[in-house]
Protein backbone atom coordinates (compact mmCIF):
# COMPACT_ATOMS: atom_id res chain seq x y z
CA MET A 1 9.31 -30.83 16.36
CA ASN A 2 6.85 -27.96 16.43
CA GLU A 3 6.50 -25.77 19.50
CA SER A 4 4.83 -22.51 20.38
CA HIS A 5 7.32 -19.66 20.66
CA GLU A 6 6.25 -18.22 23.98
CA ARG A 7 9.56 -17.24 25.53
CA LYS A 8 11.61 -14.23 26.46
CA LYS A 9 12.87 -12.14 23.59
CA PRO A 10 16.05 -13.66 22.05
CA ARG A 11 19.30 -11.83 22.73
CA ASP A 12 20.95 -10.30 19.68
CA LYS A 13 24.21 -12.23 19.57
CA GLY A 14 27.36 -10.17 19.83
CA LYS A 15 25.69 -6.97 21.06
CA GLN A 16 26.10 -5.78 24.61
CA GLN A 17 22.89 -4.99 26.38
CA LYS A 18 22.86 -1.47 27.78
CA LYS A 19 20.32 0.91 29.16
CA ALA A 20 19.10 3.47 26.64
CA THR A 21 20.07 7.06 27.34
CA PRO A 22 17.53 9.90 27.28
CA ARG A 23 18.93 11.07 23.93
CA GLU A 24 18.48 7.61 22.43
CA LYS A 25 14.93 7.54 23.69
CA ASN A 26 13.94 10.94 22.38
CA ASN A 27 15.88 11.53 19.18
CA ASP A 28 12.87 11.17 16.87
CA LEU A 29 11.94 14.84 16.96
CA PHE A 30 10.06 14.85 13.65
CA VAL A 31 7.78 12.34 11.97
CA VAL A 32 7.64 12.70 8.18
CA ALA A 33 5.12 10.70 6.17
CA ILE A 34 5.25 10.07 2.43
CA ASP A 35 1.94 9.01 0.94
CA PHE A 36 3.02 7.53 -2.39
CA GLY A 37 -0.08 7.13 -4.53
CA THR A 38 -0.78 5.91 -8.05
CA SER A 39 -2.13 9.29 -9.13
CA TYR A 40 -0.93 11.71 -6.44
CA THR A 41 1.92 11.81 -3.93
CA GLY A 42 2.80 14.09 -1.05
CA TYR A 43 4.48 14.39 2.29
CA ALA A 44 3.43 15.81 5.65
CA TYR A 45 5.16 16.10 8.98
CA ALA A 46 4.71 16.86 12.65
CA GLN A 47 6.85 17.48 15.68
CA ARG A 48 6.84 14.55 18.01
CA ASP A 49 5.85 16.62 21.05
CA SER A 50 2.58 17.73 19.44
CA TYR A 51 1.18 14.19 19.64
CA GLU A 52 0.54 14.61 23.35
CA THR A 53 -1.57 17.77 23.15
CA ASP A 54 -2.63 18.33 19.54
CA PRO A 55 -2.14 15.21 17.39
CA LEU A 56 -3.65 16.85 14.29
CA ARG A 57 -1.11 19.67 14.26
CA ILE A 58 0.33 18.39 11.01
CA TYR A 59 2.14 20.42 8.36
CA GLY A 60 2.11 19.86 4.61
CA MET A 61 4.54 20.14 1.73
CA LYS A 62 5.18 23.24 -0.31
CA ILE A 63 3.05 23.37 -3.45
CA ASP A 64 3.41 26.44 -5.68
CA ASN A 65 5.51 28.04 -2.92
CA ASN A 66 2.65 27.67 -0.43
CA GLN A 67 2.77 25.21 2.46
CA GLN A 68 -0.37 23.10 2.44
CA LEU A 69 -1.70 19.66 3.22
CA GLY A 70 -1.98 18.36 -0.30
CA LYS A 71 -0.39 16.19 -2.94
CA VAL A 72 1.00 16.57 -6.45
CA PRO A 73 0.69 14.26 -9.47
CA THR A 74 2.82 11.13 -9.24
CA SER A 75 4.70 12.09 -12.35
CA ILE A 76 8.47 12.13 -12.82
CA LEU A 77 10.37 13.65 -15.76
CA LEU A 78 13.83 12.44 -16.72
CA THR A 79 16.34 13.97 -19.12
CA PRO A 80 17.58 12.04 -22.17
CA ASP A 81 20.43 10.59 -20.05
CA ASP A 82 17.96 9.40 -17.36
CA SER A 83 18.87 12.14 -14.89
CA PHE A 84 16.16 13.55 -12.65
CA HIS A 85 14.54 16.76 -13.92
CA SER A 86 11.29 17.32 -12.03
CA PHE A 87 8.45 15.71 -10.12
CA GLY A 88 4.79 16.68 -9.80
CA LYS A 89 2.70 19.40 -11.44
CA THR A 90 5.23 20.87 -13.88
CA THR A 91 6.34 17.61 -15.47
CA GLU A 92 3.52 17.27 -17.99
CA ASP A 93 3.81 20.84 -19.27
CA THR A 94 7.59 20.61 -19.55
CA TYR A 95 7.39 17.26 -21.31
CA GLY A 96 4.78 18.59 -23.72
CA GLU A 97 6.98 21.58 -24.56
CA LYS A 98 9.96 19.32 -25.17
CA CYS A 99 7.92 17.11 -27.49
CA SER A 100 6.56 20.15 -29.35
CA ASN A 101 10.14 21.28 -29.94
CA GLY A 102 11.12 17.90 -31.32
CA GLU A 103 12.99 16.78 -28.19
CA ARG A 104 11.36 13.38 -27.99
CA ASP A 105 14.07 11.59 -26.02
CA TRP A 106 12.89 12.99 -22.68
CA LYS A 107 11.03 10.46 -20.53
CA LEU A 108 7.82 10.98 -18.54
CA PHE A 109 6.68 8.30 -16.09
CA LYS A 110 3.18 8.32 -14.58
CA ASN A 111 1.11 5.83 -12.57
CA PHE A 112 4.19 3.66 -12.08
CA LYS A 113 3.18 2.58 -8.58
CA MET A 114 0.90 -0.07 -10.07
CA THR A 115 3.90 -2.00 -11.39
CA LEU A 116 4.36 -3.24 -7.81
CA TYR A 117 0.84 -4.60 -7.54
CA ASN A 118 1.01 -8.37 -7.90
CA ALA A 119 -1.50 -11.13 -8.08
CA SER A 120 -1.17 -13.71 -5.31
CA ASP A 121 0.87 -16.03 -7.57
CA LYS A 122 3.60 -13.50 -8.42
CA LYS A 123 6.18 -11.36 -6.65
CA THR A 124 8.34 -8.31 -7.27
CA THR A 125 12.02 -8.69 -8.21
CA ARG A 126 14.93 -6.26 -8.58
CA ASP A 127 15.04 -6.68 -12.36
CA LEU A 128 11.61 -5.05 -12.72
CA VAL A 129 11.51 -2.34 -15.41
CA ILE A 130 8.99 0.44 -16.02
CA GLU A 131 7.85 1.92 -19.34
CA ASP A 132 7.19 5.60 -19.91
CA CYS A 133 4.36 6.93 -22.07
CA ARG A 134 6.37 6.19 -25.24
CA GLY A 135 7.62 2.76 -24.32
CA ASN A 136 11.07 3.80 -23.08
CA THR A 137 12.20 1.74 -20.11
CA ILE A 138 14.16 2.27 -16.92
CA SER A 139 14.98 0.12 -13.93
CA ALA A 140 12.11 0.37 -11.46
CA ILE A 141 14.44 0.55 -8.45
CA THR A 142 16.22 3.50 -10.09
CA LEU A 143 12.99 5.37 -10.76
CA PHE A 144 11.59 4.83 -7.27
CA THR A 145 14.91 5.88 -5.74
CA LEU A 146 14.91 9.12 -7.77
CA MET A 147 11.40 9.89 -6.53
CA PHE A 148 12.23 9.27 -2.86
CA SER A 149 15.45 11.25 -3.18
CA HIS A 150 13.52 14.24 -4.52
CA LEU A 151 10.88 14.05 -1.78
CA LYS A 152 13.52 13.83 0.93
CA SER A 153 15.44 16.79 -0.51
CA ALA A 154 12.24 18.84 -0.77
CA PHE A 155 11.38 18.18 2.87
CA VAL A 156 14.89 18.90 4.15
CA LYS A 157 14.96 22.18 2.22
CA GLN A 158 11.54 23.14 3.60
CA LEU A 159 12.62 22.32 7.14
CA GLU A 160 15.89 24.25 6.79
CA GLU A 161 13.93 27.35 5.85
CA ALA A 162 12.16 27.17 9.22
CA THR A 163 14.94 25.81 11.44
CA LYS A 164 18.71 25.67 11.57
CA GLY A 165 18.62 22.16 10.19
CA VAL A 166 17.88 18.77 11.72
CA PRO A 167 20.17 15.72 11.62
CA ASP A 168 18.86 12.69 9.75
CA ASP A 169 18.87 10.73 13.00
CA TRP A 170 16.20 13.02 14.43
CA ILE A 171 13.69 12.18 11.70
CA ARG A 172 11.41 9.14 11.61
CA TRP A 173 10.06 8.43 8.12
CA VAL A 174 6.75 6.74 7.39
CA ILE A 175 6.00 5.46 3.87
CA THR A 176 2.50 4.27 3.01
CA VAL A 177 1.85 1.07 1.08
CA PRO A 178 -1.43 -0.58 0.04
CA ALA A 179 -2.59 -3.29 2.42
CA ILE A 180 -3.01 -5.62 -0.55
CA TRP A 181 0.65 -5.40 -1.57
CA ASP A 182 2.69 -8.52 -1.07
CA ASP A 183 5.84 -8.79 1.04
CA SER A 184 8.24 -8.49 -1.90
CA ALA A 185 6.71 -5.15 -2.95
CA LYS A 186 7.15 -3.84 0.59
CA GLN A 187 10.82 -4.85 0.60
CA PHE A 188 11.23 -3.17 -2.80
CA ILE A 189 9.86 0.12 -1.45
CA ARG A 190 12.10 -0.06 1.61
CA GLU A 191 15.22 -0.70 -0.48
CA ALA A 192 14.41 2.16 -2.88
CA ALA A 193 13.91 4.57 0.02
CA GLU A 194 17.13 3.44 1.68
CA LYS A 195 19.03 3.94 -1.59
CA ALA A 196 17.66 7.50 -1.57
CA GLY A 197 19.28 8.11 1.81
CA ILE A 198 16.12 7.78 3.90
CA ARG A 199 16.82 6.20 7.27
CA LYS A 200 14.65 4.96 10.13
CA ILE A 201 11.73 3.85 7.97
CA ILE A 202 8.31 2.61 9.04
CA LEU A 203 6.04 1.10 6.38
CA ALA A 204 2.39 1.89 7.13
CA LEU A 205 -0.70 0.31 5.57
CA GLU A 206 -2.81 2.91 3.79
CA PRO A 207 -6.27 1.95 5.12
CA GLU A 208 -4.93 1.79 8.68
CA CYS A 209 -3.52 5.30 8.32
CA ALA A 210 -6.86 6.54 7.05
CA ALA A 211 -8.62 4.83 9.96
CA LEU A 212 -6.34 6.52 12.50
CA TYR A 213 -6.95 9.91 10.92
CA CYS A 214 -10.74 9.51 10.86
CA GLY A 215 -10.76 8.15 14.40
CA THR A 216 -8.61 11.01 15.70
CA LEU A 217 -10.68 13.58 13.82
CA LEU A 218 -14.00 12.20 15.06
CA GLN A 219 -12.73 11.93 18.62
CA GLY A 220 -11.84 15.61 18.43
CA LEU A 221 -15.35 16.39 17.19
CA ARG A 222 -17.17 14.13 19.63
CA ASP A 223 -18.58 17.07 21.60
CA THR A 224 -20.22 18.53 18.49
CA LEU A 225 -21.08 15.37 16.56
CA LYS A 226 -22.04 13.49 19.73
CA ASN A 227 -23.85 10.28 18.83
CA GLN A 228 -22.66 10.16 15.22
CA ALA A 229 -18.99 10.12 16.20
CA LEU A 230 -19.49 7.54 18.93
CA ARG A 231 -21.51 5.28 16.62
CA ILE A 232 -18.61 5.14 14.18
CA VAL A 233 -15.46 5.19 16.35
CA GLY A 234 -16.70 4.88 19.93
CA PRO A 235 -15.80 1.90 22.16
CA GLY A 236 -17.53 -1.24 20.95
CA SER A 237 -18.30 0.13 17.49
CA ARG A 238 -17.36 -1.70 14.31
CA TYR A 239 -16.81 -0.20 10.89
CA ILE A 240 -15.64 -1.05 7.41
CA LEU A 241 -13.27 1.35 5.66
CA LEU A 242 -12.71 1.73 1.93
CA ASP A 243 -9.52 3.52 0.88
CA MET A 244 -10.23 4.33 -2.76
CA GLY A 245 -7.21 5.63 -4.64
CA GLY A 246 -6.16 5.99 -8.23
CA GLY A 247 -4.79 2.48 -8.59
CA THR A 248 -6.27 0.26 -5.89
CA VAL A 249 -9.12 -0.01 -3.44
CA ASP A 250 -8.08 -1.28 0.00
CA ILE A 251 -10.79 -2.59 2.30
CA THR A 252 -10.39 -3.15 6.02
CA ALA A 253 -12.65 -3.40 9.06
CA HIS A 254 -12.00 -2.71 12.73
CA GLU A 255 -13.61 -3.10 16.12
CA VAL A 256 -12.89 -0.28 18.57
CA SER A 257 -11.83 -1.25 22.10
CA ARG A 258 -12.44 0.69 25.30
CA ASP A 259 -8.98 2.25 25.15
CA PHE A 260 -9.59 3.35 21.54
CA THR A 261 -7.27 0.75 20.05
CA TYR A 262 -8.40 -0.93 16.84
CA ASP A 263 -8.57 -4.67 16.20
CA GLU A 264 -8.78 -5.80 12.60
CA LEU A 265 -11.78 -8.03 11.90
CA PHE A 266 -10.39 -9.66 8.75
CA ALA A 267 -7.21 -9.43 6.71
CA ALA A 268 -7.24 -6.26 4.63
CA ASN A 269 -8.06 -6.97 1.01
CA GLY A 270 -9.16 -5.27 -2.19
CA GLY A 271 -8.06 -5.05 -5.79
CA PRO A 272 -6.91 -2.88 -8.73
CA TRP A 273 -10.20 -0.98 -8.90
CA GLY A 274 -9.01 2.61 -8.55
CA GLY A 275 -10.04 5.77 -10.36
CA GLU A 276 -7.46 5.37 -13.13
CA ASN A 277 -9.68 2.65 -14.60
CA VAL A 278 -12.30 5.32 -15.32
CA ASN A 279 -9.66 7.37 -17.14
CA ILE A 280 -8.67 4.35 -19.21
CA ALA A 281 -12.31 3.74 -20.15
CA PHE A 282 -12.57 7.38 -21.29
CA GLN A 283 -9.46 7.01 -23.46
CA GLU A 284 -10.87 3.86 -25.04
CA TYR A 285 -14.04 5.83 -25.78
CA LEU A 286 -11.99 8.55 -27.50
CA CYS A 287 -10.27 5.90 -29.61
CA GLU A 288 -13.69 4.68 -30.70
CA ILE A 289 -15.14 8.05 -31.66
CA PHE A 290 -12.03 9.57 -33.28
CA THR A 291 -10.52 6.23 -34.47
CA LYS A 292 -7.48 4.68 -32.85
CA PRO A 293 -4.92 6.02 -35.41
CA VAL A 294 -6.13 9.61 -34.94
CA PHE A 295 -6.17 9.42 -31.15
CA SER A 296 -2.77 7.70 -31.03
CA GLU A 297 -1.28 10.41 -33.23
CA PHE A 298 -2.86 13.05 -31.00
CA CYS A 299 -1.28 11.53 -27.88
CA LYS A 300 2.10 11.20 -29.56
CA VAL A 301 2.36 14.59 -31.28
CA HIS A 302 0.21 16.80 -29.06
CA THR A 303 1.22 15.35 -25.72
CA GLU A 304 0.69 18.56 -23.75
CA ASP A 305 -2.86 18.85 -25.11
CA PHE A 306 -3.53 15.23 -24.20
CA TYR A 307 -2.65 15.85 -20.55
CA ASP A 308 -4.78 19.00 -20.52
CA LEU A 309 -7.71 16.97 -21.86
CA MET A 310 -7.27 14.32 -19.16
CA GLY A 311 -7.09 17.05 -16.53
CA ALA A 312 -10.40 18.46 -17.75
CA PHE A 313 -11.94 14.99 -17.66
CA GLU A 314 -10.73 14.55 -14.07
CA GLN A 315 -12.75 17.58 -13.01
CA LYS A 316 -15.86 16.30 -14.81
CA LYS A 317 -15.39 12.91 -13.19
CA ARG A 318 -15.53 14.43 -9.71
CA THR A 319 -18.79 16.30 -10.28
CA PHE A 320 -20.70 13.69 -12.29
CA GLU A 321 -23.95 12.45 -10.71
CA ALA A 322 -26.32 9.59 -11.58
CA ARG A 323 -29.32 11.92 -11.92
CA MET A 324 -27.74 13.31 -15.10
CA VAL A 325 -28.54 10.00 -16.79
CA GLN A 326 -32.26 10.20 -15.96
CA GLU A 327 -32.30 13.81 -17.11
CA ASN A 328 -30.64 12.90 -20.45
CA LYS A 329 -27.91 15.45 -19.88
CA PHE A 330 -24.47 15.74 -21.45
CA VAL A 331 -21.01 16.07 -19.99
CA VAL A 332 -19.30 18.81 -21.99
CA ILE A 333 -15.52 18.89 -22.39
CA LYS A 334 -13.53 21.37 -24.44
CA LEU A 335 -11.49 19.60 -27.10
CA PRO A 336 -7.90 20.47 -27.97
CA TYR A 337 -7.42 22.13 -31.37
CA TYR A 338 -6.16 18.97 -33.07
CA LEU A 339 -9.29 16.99 -32.20
CA GLY A 340 -11.77 19.85 -32.23
CA LYS A 341 -11.08 21.29 -35.67
CA ASP A 342 -9.73 18.74 -38.09
CA PHE A 343 -11.43 15.45 -37.37
CA PRO A 344 -15.13 14.59 -37.49
CA LEU A 345 -16.55 12.06 -35.10
CA ASN A 346 -16.47 8.49 -36.37
CA THR A 347 -19.56 7.53 -34.42
CA PRO A 348 -23.37 7.71 -34.29
CA MET A 349 -24.82 10.79 -32.60
CA ASP A 350 -26.10 8.82 -29.61
CA LEU A 351 -22.51 8.02 -28.64
CA ALA A 352 -21.19 11.60 -28.72
CA VAL A 353 -21.84 15.01 -30.23
CA LYS A 354 -19.14 17.41 -31.36
CA GLU A 355 -20.03 21.08 -31.56
CA HIS A 356 -17.13 23.23 -32.72
CA ASP A 357 -14.45 22.73 -30.05
CA LYS A 358 -16.75 20.95 -27.59
CA LEU A 359 -17.31 17.24 -27.05
CA LYS A 360 -20.74 16.45 -25.62
CA ILE A 361 -20.77 13.03 -23.96
CA PRO A 362 -24.22 11.58 -23.16
CA ALA A 363 -24.46 10.99 -19.41
CA LYS A 364 -25.26 7.31 -19.96
CA HIS A 365 -21.84 6.85 -21.58
CA MET A 366 -20.15 8.82 -18.82
CA MET A 367 -21.81 6.41 -16.41
CA GLY A 368 -20.41 3.57 -18.48
CA PHE A 369 -16.86 4.73 -17.77
CA PHE A 370 -17.51 4.05 -14.07
CA ASN A 371 -19.64 0.92 -14.30
CA GLY A 372 -17.00 -1.76 -14.80
CA THR A 373 -14.90 -0.60 -11.87
CA LEU A 374 -17.84 0.03 -9.54
CA ASP A 375 -19.28 -3.37 -10.43
CA GLU A 376 -16.04 -5.03 -9.28
CA ILE A 377 -16.01 -3.08 -6.02
CA SER A 378 -19.69 -3.76 -5.33
CA ARG A 379 -19.35 -7.46 -6.03
CA HIS A 380 -16.39 -7.75 -3.69
CA ILE A 381 -18.11 -5.87 -0.86
CA LYS A 382 -21.31 -7.90 -1.19
CA ASN A 383 -19.31 -11.10 -0.77
CA LYS A 384 -17.53 -9.68 2.27
CA LEU A 385 -20.80 -8.61 3.91
CA LYS A 386 -21.92 -12.24 3.86
CA THR A 387 -19.07 -13.28 6.16
CA GLU A 388 -19.43 -13.75 9.90
CA GLU A 389 -16.86 -11.02 10.62
CA LEU A 390 -18.98 -8.33 8.98
CA LYS A 391 -22.37 -9.55 10.13
CA ASP A 392 -24.60 -6.60 11.07
CA ILE A 393 -21.86 -4.03 10.45
CA ASN A 394 -23.40 -0.71 9.43
CA ASN A 395 -20.68 1.94 9.81
CA VAL A 396 -18.84 2.81 6.60
CA ILE A 397 -15.86 5.16 6.19
CA LEU A 398 -14.85 6.33 2.71
CA VAL A 399 -11.48 7.95 1.99
CA GLY A 400 -9.20 8.54 -0.98
CA GLY A 401 -9.50 10.50 -4.20
CA PHE A 402 -11.81 7.99 -5.88
CA SER A 403 -14.30 8.32 -3.02
CA VAL A 404 -14.89 11.98 -3.90
CA PRO A 405 -17.24 11.64 -6.95
CA ASN A 406 -20.88 11.55 -5.89
CA ILE A 407 -21.55 8.76 -8.36
CA VAL A 408 -19.14 6.55 -6.38
CA LYS A 409 -20.75 7.35 -3.03
CA ASP A 410 -24.25 6.79 -4.42
CA ARG A 411 -23.31 3.43 -5.90
CA LEU A 412 -21.74 2.24 -2.64
CA LYS A 413 -24.83 3.23 -0.65
CA GLU A 414 -26.77 0.73 -2.74
CA VAL A 415 -24.47 -2.07 -1.55
CA PHE A 416 -24.79 -1.54 2.20
CA PRO A 417 -27.94 -1.80 4.36
CA GLU A 418 -30.30 1.18 4.32
CA ASN A 419 -29.48 2.03 7.93
CA ALA A 420 -25.73 2.24 7.29
CA ASN A 421 -23.90 5.31 8.64
CA PHE A 422 -21.56 6.77 6.02
CA TYR A 423 -18.68 9.02 6.93
CA CYS A 424 -16.40 10.69 4.38
CA PRO A 425 -14.07 13.35 5.83
CA GLU A 426 -14.08 16.68 4.03
CA ASN A 427 -10.44 16.32 3.03
CA SER A 428 -10.60 12.60 2.32
CA GLU A 429 -7.86 12.83 -0.31
CA VAL A 430 -5.25 13.54 2.37
CA ALA A 431 -6.74 11.33 5.10
CA THR A 432 -4.13 8.64 4.49
CA LEU A 433 -1.32 11.20 4.40
CA GLU A 434 -2.25 12.77 7.73
CA GLY A 435 -3.00 9.37 9.19
CA ALA A 436 0.48 8.19 8.24
CA VAL A 437 1.94 10.93 10.44
CA LEU A 438 -0.32 9.76 13.27
CA TYR A 439 0.76 6.17 12.68
CA GLY A 440 4.42 7.13 12.99
CA GLN A 441 3.68 9.12 16.13
CA SER A 442 1.81 6.21 17.72
CA GLN A 443 4.62 3.77 16.87
CA ILE A 444 7.21 6.00 18.51
CA HIS A 445 5.01 6.56 21.54
CA THR A 446 4.36 2.84 21.97
CA THR A 447 8.05 2.00 21.58
CA TYR A 448 9.47 4.58 23.96
CA GLU A 449 6.77 5.75 26.36
CA LYS A 450 4.95 2.40 26.69
CA SER A 451 1.75 4.27 27.52
CA LYS A 452 -1.19 6.04 25.95
CA PRO A 453 -0.90 9.81 25.40
CA ARG A 454 -3.07 12.16 27.43
CA SER A 455 -5.24 12.89 24.40
CA ILE A 456 -7.60 10.13 23.26
CA THR A 457 -5.68 9.08 20.16
CA PRO A 458 -6.47 5.78 18.41
CA SER A 459 -3.83 3.18 17.60
CA ILE A 460 -3.72 -0.21 15.89
CA ASN A 461 -3.79 -3.10 18.36
CA SER A 462 -3.99 -6.16 16.11
CA ARG A 463 -4.20 -7.29 12.50
CA ARG A 464 -5.13 -10.47 10.68
CA SER A 465 -2.62 -12.37 8.58
CA ARG A 466 -3.48 -12.20 4.90
CA PHE A 467 -1.49 -15.31 4.00
CA THR A 468 -0.42 -18.64 5.40
CA TYR A 469 3.37 -18.76 5.64
CA GLY A 470 5.46 -21.86 6.00
CA MET A 471 8.48 -23.82 4.87
CA ASP A 472 9.26 -26.68 2.55
CA SER A 473 9.80 -29.65 4.82
CA HIS A 474 9.42 -33.40 5.06
CA VAL A 475 7.60 -35.53 7.62
CA GLN A 476 7.15 -39.20 8.32
CA PHE A 477 5.16 -40.73 5.48
CA ASN A 478 1.57 -41.64 6.36
CA PRO A 479 -0.14 -43.73 3.65
CA THR A 480 -3.58 -42.58 4.83
CA LYS A 481 -2.68 -38.88 4.46
CA HIS A 482 0.08 -38.60 1.88
CA PRO A 483 0.05 -39.55 -1.84
CA GLU A 484 2.56 -42.10 -3.12
CA SER A 485 4.06 -39.43 -5.39
CA LYS A 486 5.41 -37.63 -2.30
CA LYS A 487 7.02 -40.74 -0.82
CA PHE A 488 10.81 -41.07 -0.53
CA ARG A 489 13.31 -43.07 1.52
CA ASP A 490 16.25 -41.89 3.58
CA GLY A 491 18.07 -44.95 4.86
CA ASP A 492 15.57 -47.10 6.70
CA GLU A 493 13.00 -44.33 7.12
CA VAL A 494 10.18 -43.31 4.76
CA PHE A 495 9.25 -39.64 4.43
CA CYS A 496 6.75 -37.37 2.67
CA LYS A 497 8.43 -34.59 0.67
CA ASP A 498 7.17 -31.09 -0.24
CA TYR A 499 5.27 -30.84 3.03
CA PHE A 500 3.99 -27.33 3.83
CA TRP A 501 5.06 -26.77 7.45
CA VAL A 502 2.89 -23.88 8.65
CA LEU A 503 4.55 -21.11 10.66
CA LEU A 504 1.71 -18.59 10.49
CA ARG A 505 -1.83 -19.25 9.28
CA ALA A 506 -4.04 -17.00 7.14
CA GLY A 507 -6.55 -15.15 9.31
CA ALA A 508 -4.44 -15.49 12.47
CA LYS A 509 -4.60 -12.55 14.86
CA LEU A 510 -1.34 -10.60 14.87
CA SER A 511 -0.67 -8.50 17.93
CA ARG A 512 2.41 -6.32 18.10
CA ASP A 513 5.53 -8.46 17.53
CA LYS A 514 3.59 -11.69 18.07
CA LYS A 515 5.50 -14.72 16.82
CA GLY A 516 4.15 -17.77 15.08
CA THR A 517 5.11 -21.38 15.72
CA MET A 518 8.68 -22.57 15.22
CA ARG A 519 10.41 -25.52 13.58
CA THR A 520 13.49 -27.10 15.11
CA PHE A 521 16.28 -28.48 12.91
CA THR A 522 19.11 -30.71 14.10
CA MET A 523 22.32 -30.11 12.14
CA ASP A 524 25.37 -32.34 11.80
CA LYS A 525 28.77 -31.17 12.96
CA ASP A 526 30.08 -30.27 9.48
CA SER A 527 27.18 -28.09 8.23
CA THR A 528 28.09 -24.43 7.62
CA THR A 529 24.66 -23.23 6.47
CA LEU A 530 21.02 -24.21 6.72
CA ASP A 531 18.83 -23.35 3.72
CA VAL A 532 15.09 -23.16 4.34
CA VAL A 533 12.68 -22.36 1.50
CA ILE A 534 9.75 -20.18 2.61
CA TYR A 535 6.33 -20.29 0.92
CA LYS A 536 3.04 -18.44 1.20
CA THR A 537 -0.55 -19.11 0.14
CA GLU A 538 -4.01 -17.66 0.72
CA ASN A 539 -5.19 -21.15 1.70
CA PRO A 540 -5.42 -21.38 5.52
CA SER A 541 -4.77 -25.15 5.43
CA PRO A 542 -2.25 -26.01 2.70
CA LYS A 543 -0.85 -29.53 2.48
CA PHE A 544 2.08 -29.30 0.08
CA VAL A 545 4.26 -26.46 -1.19
CA ASP A 546 3.38 -27.28 -4.81
CA ASP A 547 -0.38 -27.00 -4.21
CA PRO A 548 -2.17 -24.52 -6.51
CA GLY A 549 -1.82 -20.99 -5.16
CA CYS A 550 1.41 -21.62 -3.25
CA LEU A 551 4.21 -19.16 -4.06
CA ARG A 552 7.87 -19.52 -3.22
CA LEU A 553 8.91 -16.36 -1.39
CA GLY A 554 12.62 -17.02 -1.05
CA THR A 555 15.29 -18.98 0.78
CA LEU A 556 16.31 -18.28 4.36
CA VAL A 557 20.05 -18.93 4.66
CA VAL A 558 21.18 -19.51 8.25
CA ASP A 559 24.85 -19.12 9.17
CA MET A 560 25.93 -22.30 11.00
CA THR A 561 29.67 -21.63 11.16
CA GLU A 562 29.60 -21.20 14.93
CA GLY A 563 29.83 -24.54 16.65
CA LEU A 564 31.39 -26.43 13.75
CA GLY A 565 32.44 -29.85 14.92
CA ILE A 566 29.71 -30.09 17.54
CA PRO A 567 27.25 -32.90 16.68
CA ASN A 568 23.47 -32.53 16.75
CA ARG A 569 23.37 -28.74 16.88
CA GLU A 570 19.81 -27.41 17.14
CA ILE A 571 18.48 -24.34 15.37
CA LYS A 572 14.92 -23.01 15.50
CA ILE A 573 13.26 -21.18 12.60
CA GLY A 574 10.38 -18.82 13.29
CA LEU A 575 8.33 -16.11 11.66
CA GLN A 576 6.73 -12.93 12.92
CA TYR A 577 5.26 -9.72 11.60
CA ASN A 578 7.10 -6.67 12.89
CA ASP A 579 4.03 -4.47 12.55
CA THR A 580 3.61 -4.45 8.74
CA GLU A 581 6.70 -6.34 7.54
CA LEU A 582 7.53 -10.03 7.46
CA ASN A 583 10.51 -11.23 9.50
CA VAL A 584 11.86 -14.77 9.31
CA TYR A 585 14.52 -15.48 11.92
CA ALA A 586 16.62 -18.20 13.54
CA ILE A 587 17.73 -18.74 17.14
CA ASN A 588 20.17 -21.23 18.62
CA ASN A 589 19.84 -23.35 21.75
CA ARG A 590 21.20 -20.44 23.83
CA ASP A 591 18.24 -18.33 22.75
CA GLU A 592 20.48 -16.06 20.67
CA ILE A 593 19.59 -14.63 17.28
CA VAL A 594 21.69 -16.25 14.55
CA LYS A 595 22.86 -14.41 11.45
CA THR A 596 20.56 -15.03 8.47
CA THR A 597 19.76 -13.66 5.03
CA PHE A 598 16.28 -13.71 3.54
CA ASP A 599 15.86 -11.95 0.22
CA LEU A 600 12.30 -11.61 -1.11
CA LEU A 601 13.45 -9.85 -4.30
CA ALA A 602 15.83 -12.50 -5.62
């Protein structure tokens, strides 16, 4: 039996329904957002009341004892016994000093966010481990928990310096995640944050946060920008947004409604095409010109110098332009002593020139560091622009650290139509961070006030499902539809096994708390549990759970102890997206929520 779940909200069994008090309605006094990036991480916060009158009154973290809207390197240093030492800017210098003094059992972890990026046929589990720059390992859940614990402590300390202290229950936390992450990675992040003592968590999709920030910013500038702002984020406009970070590029597209709510045009997508790929290409280049043994020894023995060299390259990366290739120019980087003095280049002069302590990289090779990654991004966008959803779209928003280099902007302009309107906010590197605060504010406002604020502040109205979700089931065997290999008998009846019973289809429009279809099970009087295996696939019309591309997410275990002895008990299984997170649930014939467990990380 398959029926649409269009009914009143199920009652939470065992809980008395009571009217919320004013304190319960208004206890989220602060919204704190953590933008956890591959290369850089930071937090920002706002008072809830400011959303009504000045939504962009957002405060940043303390960096070098100065409060600012910014981020620090996603780099965590652990002591030899795996205790937390530091996070951010000082970790590389401290680690380099320790290595120089022969203390090589300290551990430095960088770019570890990408360990949670999975292809569509894999998922994250709790036994995931992460390697540091020397191959030492630690439990991923431990490392992520240490990071969140530090960020929470830093915020609480900062807030206590300005106030008398705020109870945990007065703080709503928002943690950003890439839109292309799977459901198991989201659960992993939530569990790590909860282990760090962070309560009341909202997971926000990075490109959506960036869209809210740009929309809010442009609405505030509509009197000065006039037509430009309205073309991009005015009612009826449509845009595509690229959130280009260190690890991934997330791509989404929205249509703006009259009330400035955003409807997603297609399921957010993207890939591992972030700016760190350019850094990796540069390191491979250094291996080629200095030889791999020399460069490996340099990284191992002169670790502090290696990080200084990569920092210098980062600055060159941001200012590089395509015209330098036509002008036959060089990108000049100062070499550390170990590379600059003792080792000649193992390469022809057209690949690189070394003059004393300077490395002169021909611009055409600098361009080569970008090409592979930009080719992937361009190819993906071109394919998307051919779809019906993006037909005639000509507004483009660029955010994220990897959108800063001019070479990236110039390359993307070649992909879109000549009449495309490009918008890149001045502080695009923190667009997602500030937008995450706005996302948290809008969620609270929607939940409690049930109305739009007085200021014209955008919010997300609907999304598109990235995957098809369903359960392993069996149906009556139909010889015209089902292969003989799926045929089995149960008594006098013939069934088809491994049938993919769809609960939510890829591409389906997801409004707030909208539920998918449901499946009804009839249980015998002695059953104490019902086990339902949940699957996902990118295919909008799967047939069987063992089709190529289908991935087993986990098993929903439904507690059936209530009503033991009663024959033919009915239980309904359904699925919904609570904003950004998957929720599989069960209700009984009294429309009450039944106790279940559904572990995506097992």
